[in-house]
Amino acid sequence: MLSESPDEQLTYLDKRVVLVVAVAENGVIGNGPEIPWRIPGEQAEFKALTMGHTLVMGRTTFESIGRPLPGRTTIVLTRDPAWSYEGVLVANTIEEALAMAAGLPGDVMVAGGAQVYAAALPYADRQVITRVRLAPEGDVHYPAYPAEEWTETTREPHELYDRVFLERRSAQA
């Protein structure tokens, strides 16, 4: 059984829980099941970052992709107990997904959508945020997080976005 404390959870997992997201200036991450932009190179960076790791994503996000991504183990989070898809694991809660991921390759890379990010945020010790310099219309937003709990460790500037790496500050800091 998993611990209820996110700090103890991370120790139990013995791996990082990383939220990987692209966020527009207005907080939008999606418009329905679609990403409201196409930026050359941005998806290749997602692939490089997540390759060899375990992806956790919601059912709608998975269905918008349409298949398991090669080179990664996929856990789909859904409340539908009858949902299944060949080649992916299914969990009904973030805690169940994290328990499954404990025995799988690499770190836990959380890939959306908004409800999954919000559920995983207490367990996350890292965020990789692609800050897109656009403000598109959209109905899916990245959840707010307490900025004081996070430290920017790296920023990679690109023409249309910055890729920002955040680490959770330790409780002792």
Protein backbone atom coordinates (compact mmCIF):
# COMPACT_ATOMS: atom_id res chain seq x y z
CA MET A 1 0.00 0.00 0.00
CA LEU A 2 1.22 3.50 -0.79
CA SER A 3 2.00 6.07 1.84
CA GLU A 4 -0.32 9.07 2.04
CA SER A 5 2.56 11.54 2.29
CA PRO A 6 3.91 12.74 -1.07
CA ASP A 7 7.43 12.98 0.42
CA GLU A 8 7.25 9.38 1.63
CA GLN A 9 5.69 8.41 -1.70
CA LEU A 10 8.74 9.63 -3.58
CA THR A 11 11.00 7.61 -1.30
CA TYR A 12 8.83 4.56 -1.82
CA LEU A 13 8.99 4.93 -5.60
CA ASP A 14 12.77 5.44 -5.62
CA LYS A 15 12.35 7.34 -8.89
CA ARG A 16 11.39 10.80 -9.99
CA VAL A 17 7.84 11.88 -10.73
CA VAL A 18 8.15 14.47 -13.50
CA LEU A 19 5.33 16.58 -14.90
CA VAL A 20 6.05 17.23 -18.60
CA VAL A 21 3.87 19.92 -20.16
CA ALA A 22 3.70 22.64 -22.80
CA VAL A 23 1.86 25.72 -21.49
CA ALA A 24 0.87 28.87 -23.37
CA GLU A 25 1.21 32.34 -21.83
CA ASN A 26 -2.47 32.22 -20.83
CA GLY A 27 -2.13 28.84 -19.09
CA VAL A 28 -3.76 26.89 -21.95
CA ILE A 29 -2.49 23.36 -22.55
CA GLY A 30 -5.29 22.20 -24.84
CA ASN A 31 -8.45 22.95 -26.71
CA GLY A 32 -10.60 19.90 -26.22
CA PRO A 33 -8.36 16.94 -27.03
CA GLU A 34 -6.12 19.01 -29.32
CA ILE A 35 -2.91 20.95 -28.62
CA PRO A 36 -3.64 24.42 -30.07
CA TRP A 37 -0.19 24.90 -31.65
CA ARG A 38 2.44 23.10 -33.68
CA ILE A 39 5.99 24.18 -32.97
CA PRO A 40 8.84 22.54 -34.89
CA GLY A 41 11.15 20.61 -32.58
CA GLU A 42 8.98 20.78 -29.48
CA GLN A 43 7.53 17.28 -29.86
CA ALA A 44 10.99 15.86 -30.60
CA GLU A 45 12.16 17.26 -27.25
CA PHE A 46 9.21 15.54 -25.53
CA LYS A 47 10.21 12.27 -27.18
CA ALA A 48 13.86 12.61 -26.13
CA LEU A 49 12.92 13.51 -22.56
CA THR A 50 10.45 10.64 -22.09
CA MET A 51 12.15 7.84 -24.05
CA GLY A 52 12.86 4.81 -21.85
CA HIS A 53 10.61 6.05 -19.05
CA THR A 54 7.08 5.28 -17.91
CA LEU A 55 4.40 7.65 -19.20
CA VAL A 56 1.27 8.34 -17.14
CA MET A 57 -1.56 10.08 -18.94
CA GLY A 58 -5.31 10.38 -18.87
CA ARG A 59 -7.57 8.49 -21.24
CA THR A 60 -8.51 11.57 -23.28
CA THR A 61 -4.84 12.46 -23.76
CA PHE A 62 -4.05 8.90 -24.76
CA GLU A 63 -6.97 8.77 -27.21
CA SER A 64 -5.83 12.05 -28.79
CA ILE A 65 -2.44 10.39 -29.46
CA GLY A 66 -4.18 7.22 -30.61
CA ARG A 67 -1.52 4.65 -29.73
CA PRO A 68 1.15 3.76 -27.18
CA LEU A 69 4.30 5.77 -27.85
CA PRO A 70 7.27 3.58 -28.82
CA GLY A 71 10.13 3.14 -26.36
CA ARG A 72 8.01 4.04 -23.35
CA THR A 73 5.70 2.09 -21.05
CA THR A 74 2.27 3.75 -20.92
CA ILE A 75 -0.14 3.81 -18.00
CA VAL A 76 -3.52 5.31 -18.82
CA LEU A 77 -5.51 6.80 -15.97
CA THR A 78 -9.29 6.42 -16.35
CA ARG A 79 -12.36 6.19 -14.14
CA ASP A 80 -13.95 3.74 -16.62
CA PRO A 81 -13.35 0.24 -15.21
CA ALA A 82 -14.18 -1.33 -18.60
CA TRP A 83 -11.68 0.72 -20.64
CA SER A 84 -8.67 -1.09 -22.07
CA TYR A 85 -6.25 -0.77 -24.96
CA GLU A 86 -3.71 -3.28 -26.17
CA GLY A 87 -0.18 -2.41 -25.14
CA VAL A 88 -1.00 -0.08 -22.23
CA LEU A 89 -1.59 -0.55 -18.52
CA VAL A 90 -4.71 0.93 -16.93
CA ALA A 91 -5.04 2.58 -13.51
CA ASN A 92 -8.07 4.15 -11.85
CA THR A 93 -6.21 6.52 -9.49
CA ILE A 94 -2.90 8.36 -9.54
CA GLU A 95 -1.82 6.30 -6.53
CA GLU A 96 -2.53 3.08 -8.44
CA ALA A 97 -0.58 4.41 -11.43
CA LEU A 98 2.40 5.30 -9.21
CA ALA A 99 2.31 1.85 -7.59
CA MET A 100 2.39 0.25 -11.06
CA ALA A 101 5.21 2.55 -12.16
CA ALA A 102 7.34 1.55 -9.16
CA GLY A 103 8.21 -1.70 -10.91
CA LEU A 104 8.56 -0.29 -14.43
CA PRO A 105 11.54 1.20 -16.30
CA GLY A 106 12.78 4.73 -15.79
CA ASP A 107 11.16 7.64 -14.05
CA VAL A 108 7.45 8.47 -14.03
CA MET A 109 6.72 11.06 -16.72
CA VAL A 110 3.25 12.57 -16.34
CA ALA A 111 1.97 13.73 -19.73
CA GLY A 112 -1.49 15.16 -19.05
CA GLY A 113 -4.23 16.18 -19.17
CA ALA A 114 -5.13 18.81 -16.62
CA GLN A 115 -6.85 16.46 -14.13
CA VAL A 116 -3.92 14.05 -14.21
CA TYR A 117 -1.41 16.89 -13.71
CA ALA A 118 -3.45 18.14 -10.74
CA ALA A 119 -3.63 14.65 -9.20
CA ALA A 120 0.10 14.02 -9.72
CA LEU A 121 1.32 17.44 -8.57
CA PRO A 122 1.56 16.50 -4.85
CA TYR A 123 3.80 13.56 -5.79
CA ALA A 124 5.98 15.39 -8.32
CA ASP A 125 9.52 16.40 -7.56
CA ARG A 126 10.23 17.87 -10.99
CA GLN A 127 8.42 19.80 -13.71
CA VAL A 128 9.62 20.29 -17.27
CA ILE A 129 7.51 23.13 -18.63
CA THR A 130 7.69 24.27 -22.22
CA ARG A 131 6.55 27.88 -21.94
CA VAL A 132 5.05 28.64 -25.35
CA ARG A 133 5.01 32.29 -26.42
CA LEU A 134 1.42 32.19 -27.64
CA ALA A 135 -1.99 32.81 -26.10
CA PRO A 136 -4.33 30.53 -28.05
CA GLU A 137 -7.95 29.85 -27.26
CA GLY A 138 -8.40 26.72 -25.25
CA ASP A 139 -10.50 25.09 -22.58
CA VAL A 140 -7.83 23.01 -20.83
CA HIS A 141 -5.42 24.77 -18.46
CA TYR A 142 -2.37 23.68 -16.49
CA PRO A 143 -3.21 23.60 -12.77
CA ALA A 144 -1.87 26.33 -10.52
CA TYR A 145 1.00 25.28 -8.29
CA PRO A 146 2.68 27.06 -5.36
CA ALA A 147 5.67 28.74 -7.04
CA GLU A 148 7.47 29.08 -3.70
CA GLU A 149 7.77 25.27 -3.54
CA TRP A 150 9.73 25.13 -6.80
CA THR A 151 13.17 26.28 -7.95
CA GLU A 152 14.09 26.86 -11.58
CA THR A 153 17.28 24.88 -12.26
CA THR A 154 17.63 25.26 -16.04
CA ARG A 155 16.10 27.36 -18.81
CA GLU A 156 16.64 26.53 -22.46
CA PRO A 157 15.53 29.43 -24.70
CA HIS A 158 14.18 28.70 -28.17
CA GLU A 159 12.65 30.96 -30.79
CA LEU A 160 9.00 30.28 -29.90
CA TYR A 161 9.30 28.86 -26.39
CA ASP A 162 11.49 28.37 -23.35
CA ARG A 163 11.96 24.95 -21.83
CA VAL A 164 12.05 25.40 -18.05
CA PHE A 165 13.17 22.76 -15.55
CA LEU A 166 11.81 23.10 -12.01
CA GLU A 167 12.78 21.08 -8.95
CA ARG A 168 10.65 20.85 -5.82
CA ARG A 169 12.39 22.47 -2.87
CA SER A 170 13.04 20.06 -0.05
CA ALA A 171 10.93 20.31 3.08
CA GLN A 172 14.10 21.05 5.05
CA ALA A 173 15.03 24.12 2.97
